[in-house]
C-alpha atoms as a PDB file:
ATOM      1  CA  MET A   1     -16.801-115.460 -55.821  1.00  0.00           C
ATOM      2  CA  GLU A   2     -17.114-114.266 -52.250  1.00  0.00           C
ATOM      3  CA  GLN A   3     -17.368-110.498 -51.790  1.00  0.00           C
ATOM      4  CA  ARG A   4     -14.299-108.938 -50.189  1.00  0.00           C
ATOM      5  CA  LYS A   5     -14.669-107.241 -46.823  1.00  0.00           C
ATOM      6  CA  THR A   6     -13.946-103.588 -46.288  1.00  0.00           C
ATOM      7  CA  LEU A   7     -11.376-102.543 -43.732  1.00  0.00           C
ATOM      8  CA  GLN A   8     -14.214-101.312 -41.520  1.00  0.00           C
ATOM      9  CA  GLU A   9     -15.915-104.728 -41.746  1.00  0.00           C
ATOM     10  CA  ILE A  10     -12.638-106.430 -40.871  1.00  0.00           C
ATOM     11  CA  GLN A  11     -12.180-104.192 -37.823  1.00  0.00           C
ATOM     12  CA  GLN A  12     -15.765-104.962 -36.770  1.00  0.00           C
ATOM     13  CA  GLU A  13     -15.225-108.699 -37.202  1.00  0.00           C
ATOM     14  CA  VAL A  14     -12.144-108.580 -34.989  1.00  0.00           C
ATOM     15  CA  ASP A  15     -14.047-106.518 -32.414  1.00  0.00           C
ATOM     16  CA  GLN A  16     -16.908-109.047 -32.385  1.00  0.00           C
ATOM     17  CA  TYR A  17     -14.397-111.850 -31.910  1.00  0.00           C
ATOM     18  CA  ILE A  18     -12.566-110.126 -29.034  1.00  0.00           C
ATOM     19  CA  SER A  19     -15.830-108.960 -27.413  1.00  0.00           C
ATOM     20  CA  GLN A  20     -16.886-112.527 -26.664  1.00  0.00           C
ATOM     21  CA  PHE A  21     -14.109-112.856 -24.061  1.00  0.00           C
ATOM     22  CA  LYS A  22     -14.126-111.298 -20.584  1.00  0.00           C
ATOM     23  CA  GLU A  23     -10.472-110.313 -20.949  1.00  0.00           C
ATOM     24  CA  GLY A  24     -11.200-108.120 -23.980  1.00  0.00           C
ATOM     25  CA  TYR A  25      -8.326-106.274 -25.608  1.00  0.00           C
ATOM     26  CA  PHE A  26      -4.905-106.293 -24.004  1.00  0.00           C
ATOM     27  CA  SER A  27      -3.419-103.052 -22.694  1.00  0.00           C
ATOM     28  CA  PRO A  28      -1.489-100.909 -25.201  1.00  0.00           C
ATOM     29  CA  LEU A  29       1.822-101.994 -23.676  1.00  0.00           C
ATOM     30  CA  ALA A  30       0.910-105.690 -23.868  1.00  0.00           C
ATOM     31  CA  MET A  31      -0.362-105.147 -27.416  1.00  0.00           C
ATOM     32  CA  MET A  32       2.973-103.577 -28.372  1.00  0.00           C
ATOM     33  CA  ALA A  33       4.779-106.592 -26.933  1.00  0.00           C
ATOM     34  CA  ARG A  34       2.507-108.941 -28.904  1.00  0.00           C
ATOM     35  CA  MET A  35       3.110-106.973 -32.088  1.00  0.00           C
ATOM     36  CA  THR A  36       6.867-107.083 -31.539  1.00  0.00           C
ATOM     37  CA  GLU A  37       6.654-110.839 -31.022  1.00  0.00           C
ATOM     38  CA  GLU A  38       4.654-111.334 -34.225  1.00  0.00           C
ATOM     39  CA  VAL A  39       6.972-109.085 -36.264  1.00  0.00           C
ATOM     40  CA  GLY A  40       9.878-111.189 -34.938  1.00  0.00           C
ATOM     41  CA  GLU A  41       8.160-114.349 -36.170  1.00  0.00           C
ATOM     42  CA  LEU A  42       7.637-112.689 -39.558  1.00  0.00           C
ATOM     43  CA  ALA A  43      11.326-111.740 -39.652  1.00  0.00           C
ATOM     44  CA  ARG A  44      12.251-115.336 -38.897  1.00  0.00           C
ATOM     45  CA  GLU A  45      10.150-116.628 -41.805  1.00  0.00           C
ATOM     46  CA  ILE A  46      11.584-114.010 -44.165  1.00  0.00           C
ATOM     47  CA  ASN A  47      15.067-115.100 -43.091  1.00  0.00           C
ATOM     48  CA  HIS A  48      14.193-118.755 -43.774  1.00  0.00           C
ATOM     49  CA  TYR A  49      12.706-118.097 -47.212  1.00  0.00           C
ATOM     50  CA  TYR A  50      14.956-115.308 -48.471  1.00  0.00           C
ATOM     51  CA  GLY A  51      17.971-115.320 -46.186  1.00  0.00           C
ATOM     52  CA  GLU A  52      20.814-117.634 -45.396  1.00  0.00           C
ATOM     53  CA  LYS A  53      19.282-119.363 -42.369  1.00  0.00           C
ATOM     54  CA  PRO A  54      17.500-122.624 -43.249  1.00  0.00           C
ATOM     55  CA  LYS A  55      14.823-124.057 -40.987  1.00  0.00           C
ATOM     56  CA  LYS A  56      15.713-126.791 -38.541  1.00  0.00           C
ATOM     57  CA  ARG A  57      14.424-130.231 -39.526  1.00  0.00           C
ATOM     58  CA  ASP A  58      11.972-130.350 -36.630  1.00  0.00           C
ATOM     59  CA  GLU A  59      10.800-126.745 -37.032  1.00  0.00           C
ATOM     60  CA  GLU A  60       7.123-126.171 -37.829  1.00  0.00           C
ATOM     61  CA  GLU A  61       6.402-125.085 -41.397  1.00  0.00           C
ATOM     62  CA  LYS A  62       4.825-121.624 -41.543  1.00  0.00           C
ATOM     63  CA  THR A  63       4.421-119.155 -44.357  1.00  0.00           C
ATOM     64  CA  VAL A  64       5.165-115.483 -44.755  1.00  0.00           C
ATOM     65  CA  ALA A  65       1.450-114.977 -45.509  1.00  0.00           C
ATOM     66  CA  GLU A  66       0.489-116.634 -42.210  1.00  0.00           C
ATOM     67  CA  GLU A  67       2.903-114.450 -40.250  1.00  0.00           C
ATOM     68  CA  LEU A  68       1.724-111.295 -42.051  1.00  0.00           C
ATOM     69  CA  GLY A  69      -1.823-112.327 -41.121  1.00  0.00           C
ATOM     70  CA  ASP A  70      -0.790-112.533 -37.462  1.00  0.00           C
ATOM     71  CA  VAL A  71       0.778-109.050 -37.635  1.00  0.00           C
ATOM     72  CA  PHE A  72      -2.355-107.704 -39.352  1.00  0.00           C
ATOM     73  CA  PHE A  73      -4.605-109.195 -36.645  1.00  0.00           C
ATOM     74  CA  ILE A  74      -2.568-107.524 -33.911  1.00  0.00           C
ATOM     75  CA  VAL A  75      -2.628-104.199 -35.798  1.00  0.00           C
ATOM     76  CA  LEU A  76      -6.425-104.513 -35.991  1.00  0.00           C
ATOM     77  CA  CYS A  77      -6.667-105.293 -32.276  1.00  0.00           C
ATOM     78  CA  PHE A  78      -4.349-102.400 -31.429  1.00  0.00           C
ATOM     79  CA  ALA A  79      -6.378 -99.968 -33.530  1.00  0.00           C
ATOM     80  CA  ASN A  80      -9.694-101.192 -32.129  1.00  0.00           C
ATOM     81  CA  SER A  81      -8.476-100.977 -28.547  1.00  0.00           C
ATOM     82  CA  LEU A  82      -7.467 -97.351 -29.086  1.00  0.00           C
ATOM     83  CA  GLY A  83     -10.579 -96.399 -31.100  1.00  0.00           C
ATOM     84  CA  ILE A  84      -8.629 -95.815 -34.312  1.00  0.00           C
ATOM     85  CA  ASP A  85     -10.438 -96.139 -37.645  1.00  0.00           C
ATOM     86  CA  LEU A  86      -7.791 -97.752 -39.848  1.00  0.00           C
ATOM     87  CA  GLN A  87      -9.495 -96.576 -43.050  1.00  0.00           C
ATOM     88  CA  GLU A  88      -9.128 -92.964 -41.898  1.00  0.00           C
ATOM     89  CA  ALA A  89      -5.542 -93.597 -40.784  1.00  0.00           C
ATOM     90  CA  PHE A  90      -4.759 -95.197 -44.145  1.00  0.00           C
ATOM     91  CA  ASP A  91      -6.324 -92.318 -46.081  1.00  0.00           C
ATOM     92  CA  ARG A  92      -4.260 -89.794 -44.088  1.00  0.00           C
ATOM     93  CA  ILE A  93      -1.019 -91.686 -44.635  1.00  0.00           C
ATOM     94  CA  MET A  94      -1.659 -92.086 -48.375  1.00  0.00           C
ATOM     95  CA  HIS A  95      -2.334 -88.347 -48.625  1.00  0.00           C
ATOM     96  CA  LYS A  96       1.013 -87.768 -46.924  1.00  0.00           C
ATOM     97  CA  PHE A  97       2.833 -90.093 -49.327  1.00  0.00           C
ATOM     98  CA  ASN A  98       1.078 -88.597 -52.349  1.00  0.00           C
ATOM     99  CA  THR A  99       1.984 -85.038 -51.350  1.00  0.00           C
ATOM    100  CA  ARG A 100       5.128 -84.949 -49.241  1.00  0.00           C
ATOM    101  CA  ASP A 101       6.849 -87.859 -50.984  1.00  0.00           C
ATOM    102  CA  LYS A 102       5.406 -87.413 -54.480  1.00  0.00           C
ATOM    103  CA  ASP A 103       8.818 -86.633 -56.007  1.00  0.00           C
ATOM    104  CA  ARG A 104      10.951 -88.760 -53.712  1.00  0.00           C
ATOM    105  CA  TRP A 105      11.236 -91.836 -55.929  1.00  0.00           C
ATOM    106  CA  THR A 106      11.903 -92.304 -59.630  1.00  0.00           C
ATOM    107  CA  ARG A 107       8.588 -92.807 -61.404  1.00  0.00           C
ATOM    108  CA  ILE A 108       8.050 -95.433 -64.076  1.00  0.00           C
ATOM    109  CA  GLU A 109       7.536 -93.756 -67.416  1.00  0.00           C
ATOM    110  CA  LYS A 110       4.287 -94.683 -69.152  1.00  0.00           C
END
């Protein structure tokens, strides 16, 4: 079984990919537009699979996983372009959820 990559390794892989092009990362505003576009495509797939709107007959078949992958790639690009370590950002946000929101939801009894 192939060893899973860490978040840091994933960010580095994306950076190596983007670094081979002269254009590099898009500006933050363009990145936000790209992210919005990808989230819209994810919403469309969710609506097709779980909502009331079926796909058109000639519409390309995509998956929720594929669209989530696109959103994830843009998040990685956005973070890299701004020098944000996503592992650190994730650790901070989990600390927030585990402290501030620790009693917000009904826990499953064990």
